[in-house]
N, C-alpha and C. Protein backbone atom coordinates (compact mmCIF):
# COMPACT_ATOMS: atom_id res chain seq x y z
N UNK A 1 -7.37 15.90 -39.88
CA UNK A 1 -6.31 15.78 -38.67
C UNK A 1 -7.29 16.60 -37.75
N UNK A 2 -7.47 17.44 -37.79
CA UNK A 2 -8.20 18.39 -36.88
C UNK A 2 -9.41 17.75 -36.37
N UNK A 3 -10.16 17.34 -37.49
CA UNK A 3 -11.34 16.48 -37.06
C UNK A 3 -10.97 15.39 -35.91
N UNK A 4 -9.76 13.99 -36.55
CA UNK A 4 -9.68 13.44 -35.50
C UNK A 4 -9.52 13.77 -34.00
N UNK A 5 -8.08 14.72 -33.99
CA UNK A 5 -7.95 15.50 -33.26
C UNK A 5 -9.35 15.97 -32.15
N UNK A 6 -9.70 16.48 -32.50
CA UNK A 6 -11.17 16.69 -31.88
C UNK A 6 -12.12 15.89 -31.75
N UNK A 7 -12.18 14.81 -32.56
CA UNK A 7 -12.99 13.67 -31.82
C UNK A 7 -12.30 13.21 -30.75
N UNK A 8 -11.30 12.81 -30.55
CA UNK A 8 -10.44 12.20 -29.71
C UNK A 8 -10.50 13.02 -28.49
N UNK A 9 -10.43 14.10 -28.58
CA UNK A 9 -10.88 15.15 -26.97
C UNK A 9 -12.23 15.14 -26.67
N UNK A 10 -13.38 14.73 -27.81
CA UNK A 10 -14.63 14.47 -27.10
C UNK A 10 -14.61 13.37 -26.32
N UNK A 11 -14.01 11.97 -27.06
CA UNK A 11 -14.28 10.92 -26.48
C UNK A 11 -13.42 11.18 -24.91
N UNK A 12 -11.82 11.65 -25.04
CA UNK A 12 -11.58 11.86 -23.47
C UNK A 12 -12.35 12.46 -22.62
N UNK A 13 -12.98 13.58 -22.97
CA UNK A 13 -14.02 13.84 -22.01
C UNK A 13 -15.40 13.71 -21.71
N UNK A 14 -15.57 12.44 -22.85
CA UNK A 14 -16.51 11.65 -22.49
C UNK A 14 -16.24 10.60 -21.28
N UNK A 15 -15.10 9.62 -21.85
CA UNK A 15 -14.49 8.59 -21.24
C UNK A 15 -14.53 9.34 -19.27
N UNK A 16 -14.27 10.44 -19.30
CA UNK A 16 -13.38 11.28 -17.86
C UNK A 16 -14.71 11.56 -17.25
N UNK A 17 -15.53 11.81 -17.97
CA UNK A 17 -16.85 11.99 -17.32
C UNK A 17 -17.79 10.73 -16.76
N UNK A 18 -17.55 9.63 -17.18
CA UNK A 18 -18.16 8.49 -16.91
C UNK A 18 -17.31 7.85 -16.17
N UNK A 19 -15.60 8.05 -16.46
CA UNK A 19 -14.65 7.30 -14.89
C UNK A 19 -14.96 8.34 -13.66
N UNK A 20 -15.59 9.31 -13.97
CA UNK A 20 -15.09 10.64 -12.81
C UNK A 20 -13.94 11.30 -13.08
N UNK A 21 -12.94 10.77 -13.44
CA UNK A 21 -11.56 11.34 -13.18
C UNK A 21 -10.49 10.48 -14.05
N UNK A 22 -9.78 11.33 -14.69
CA UNK A 22 -8.43 10.56 -15.86
C UNK A 22 -7.80 9.82 -15.43
N UNK A 23 -7.97 8.89 -16.55
CA UNK A 23 -7.42 7.57 -16.25
C UNK A 23 -6.29 7.69 -15.63
N UNK A 24 -5.15 9.01 -15.74
CA UNK A 24 -3.69 9.24 -15.40
C UNK A 24 -3.99 9.60 -13.72
N UNK A 25 -5.09 10.18 -13.64
CA UNK A 25 -5.48 10.70 -11.79
C UNK A 25 -5.54 9.65 -11.49
N UNK A 26 -6.15 8.43 -11.71
CA UNK A 26 -6.40 6.86 -11.38
C UNK A 26 -5.59 6.11 -10.98
N UNK A 27 -4.46 6.02 -12.23
CA UNK A 27 -3.19 5.89 -11.43
C UNK A 27 -2.21 6.03 -10.59
N UNK A 28 -2.42 7.85 -10.75
CA UNK A 28 -1.67 7.90 -9.60
C UNK A 28 -2.20 7.52 -7.85
N UNK A 29 -3.03 8.41 -7.61
CA UNK A 29 -4.16 7.48 -6.48
C UNK A 29 -3.87 6.02 -6.15
N UNK A 30 -3.85 5.38 -7.29
CA UNK A 30 -3.28 3.77 -7.23
C UNK A 30 -1.96 3.45 -6.34
N UNK A 31 -1.28 4.39 -7.28
CA UNK A 31 0.29 4.14 -6.97
C UNK A 31 0.46 5.00 -5.51
N UNK A 32 0.07 5.58 -5.32
CA UNK A 32 0.13 6.28 -3.86
C UNK A 32 -0.31 5.52 -2.72
N UNK A 33 -1.30 4.86 -2.51
CA UNK A 33 -2.14 4.11 -1.99
C UNK A 33 -1.01 3.23 -2.04
N UNK A 34 -0.73 2.51 -2.74
CA UNK A 34 0.67 1.09 -2.70
C UNK A 34 1.87 1.50 -2.27
N UNK A 35 2.22 3.09 -2.67
CA UNK A 35 3.38 3.52 -1.70
C UNK A 35 3.16 3.48 0.02
N UNK A 36 2.04 3.98 0.24
CA UNK A 36 2.03 3.96 1.25
C UNK A 36 1.58 2.81 2.28
N UNK A 37 1.23 1.67 1.53
CA UNK A 37 1.06 0.16 2.08
C UNK A 37 2.18 0.25 2.33
N UNK A 38 3.20 0.04 1.39
CA UNK A 38 4.48 -0.51 1.24
C UNK A 38 5.82 0.28 2.54
N UNK A 39 5.43 1.53 2.69
CA UNK A 39 6.11 1.85 3.31
C UNK A 39 5.53 1.47 4.69
N UNK A 40 4.51 1.47 4.88
CA UNK A 40 3.73 0.87 6.32
C UNK A 40 4.42 -0.64 6.45
N UNK A 41 4.35 -1.70 5.77
CA UNK A 41 4.81 -2.78 5.75
C UNK A 41 6.22 -2.84 6.40
N UNK A 42 7.60 -1.50 5.74
CA UNK A 42 8.27 -1.73 6.21
C UNK A 42 8.52 -1.05 7.35
N UNK A 43 7.90 -0.21 7.87
CA UNK A 43 7.83 0.19 8.95
C UNK A 43 7.82 -1.10 10.04
N UNK A 44 6.47 -1.65 9.90
CA UNK A 44 6.04 -2.82 10.58
C UNK A 44 7.42 -4.17 10.39
N UNK A 45 7.90 -3.98 9.54
CA UNK A 45 8.69 -5.17 9.32
C UNK A 45 10.09 -4.74 10.05
N UNK A 46 10.64 -3.37 10.17
CA UNK A 46 11.57 -3.16 10.93
C UNK A 46 11.57 -2.94 12.15
N UNK A 47 10.27 -2.77 12.57
CA UNK A 47 9.76 -2.49 14.22
C UNK A 47 10.17 -4.04 14.97
N UNK A 48 9.84 -4.80 14.15
CA UNK A 48 10.13 -6.41 14.59
C UNK A 48 11.33 -6.78 14.73
N UNK A 49 12.28 -6.08 14.10
CA UNK A 49 13.69 -6.79 14.08
C UNK A 49 14.24 -7.01 15.41
N UNK A 50 15.03 -8.41 15.50
CA UNK A 50 15.31 -8.67 17.27
C UNK A 50 14.61 -9.09 17.81
N UNK A 51 13.36 -8.64 17.36
CA UNK A 51 12.08 -9.30 18.72
C UNK A 51 12.01 -10.71 18.35
N UNK A 52 11.92 -11.50 19.46
CA UNK A 52 11.74 -12.93 19.89
C UNK A 52 9.94 -13.24 19.06
N UNK A 53 10.07 -14.48 18.64
CA UNK A 53 8.46 -14.60 18.10
C UNK A 53 8.27 -15.63 19.51
N UNK A 54 9.15 -16.49 20.19
CA UNK A 54 8.75 -17.18 21.16
C UNK A 54 8.69 -16.64 22.38
N UNK A 55 7.89 -16.86 22.93
CA UNK A 55 8.01 -15.79 24.51
C UNK A 55 8.94 -16.90 25.64
N UNK A 56 9.64 -15.86 26.28
CA UNK A 56 11.18 -16.36 27.59
C UNK A 56 10.17 -17.72 28.12
N UNK A 57 10.98 -18.21 28.42
CA UNK A 57 10.69 -19.63 29.72
C UNK A 57 10.58 -19.17 30.74
N UNK A 58 9.31 -19.98 31.51
CA UNK A 58 9.23 -19.47 33.02
C UNK A 58 9.97 -19.96 33.27
N UNK A 59 10.34 -18.88 34.73
CA UNK A 59 10.99 -19.23 35.63
C UNK A 59 10.78 -19.66 37.13
N UNK A 60 11.02 -20.38 37.39
CA UNK A 60 10.98 -21.02 39.30
C UNK A 60 11.30 -19.86 40.33
N UNK A 61 11.30 -20.09 41.35
CA UNK A 61 12.18 -19.45 42.43
C UNK A 61 13.54 -20.02 42.43
N UNK A 62 14.49 -19.50 42.49
CA UNK A 62 15.63 -19.90 42.36
C UNK A 62 16.61 -20.07 40.99
N UNK A 63 16.38 -19.65 40.37
CA UNK A 63 16.26 -19.63 38.83
C UNK A 63 16.39 -20.88 37.95
N UNK A 64 15.35 -21.72 38.36
CA UNK A 64 14.92 -23.27 37.66
C UNK A 64 14.16 -23.06 36.90
N UNK A 65 13.93 -23.58 35.84
CA UNK A 65 12.94 -23.84 34.89
C UNK A 65 11.77 -24.92 35.22
N UNK A 66 10.54 -24.13 35.18
CA UNK A 66 9.38 -25.01 35.79
C UNK A 66 9.07 -26.43 34.98
N UNK A 67 8.73 -27.46 35.16
CA UNK A 67 8.61 -28.68 34.46
C UNK A 67 7.31 -29.28 34.64
């Protein structure tokens, strides 16, 4: 059993060297990036609540609209 555990540890070390980081560290970085993007999306969404997407109509002198 100890030989198997030693081989597994050696395999993990080799894979960590190939990838440059452990799979969990990579997953953590992706999760943090996705969370930052989600927070930015929510800020942008809530910042536009109540704002009209169409420009207000142009008004001529006297309060009448241009035709």
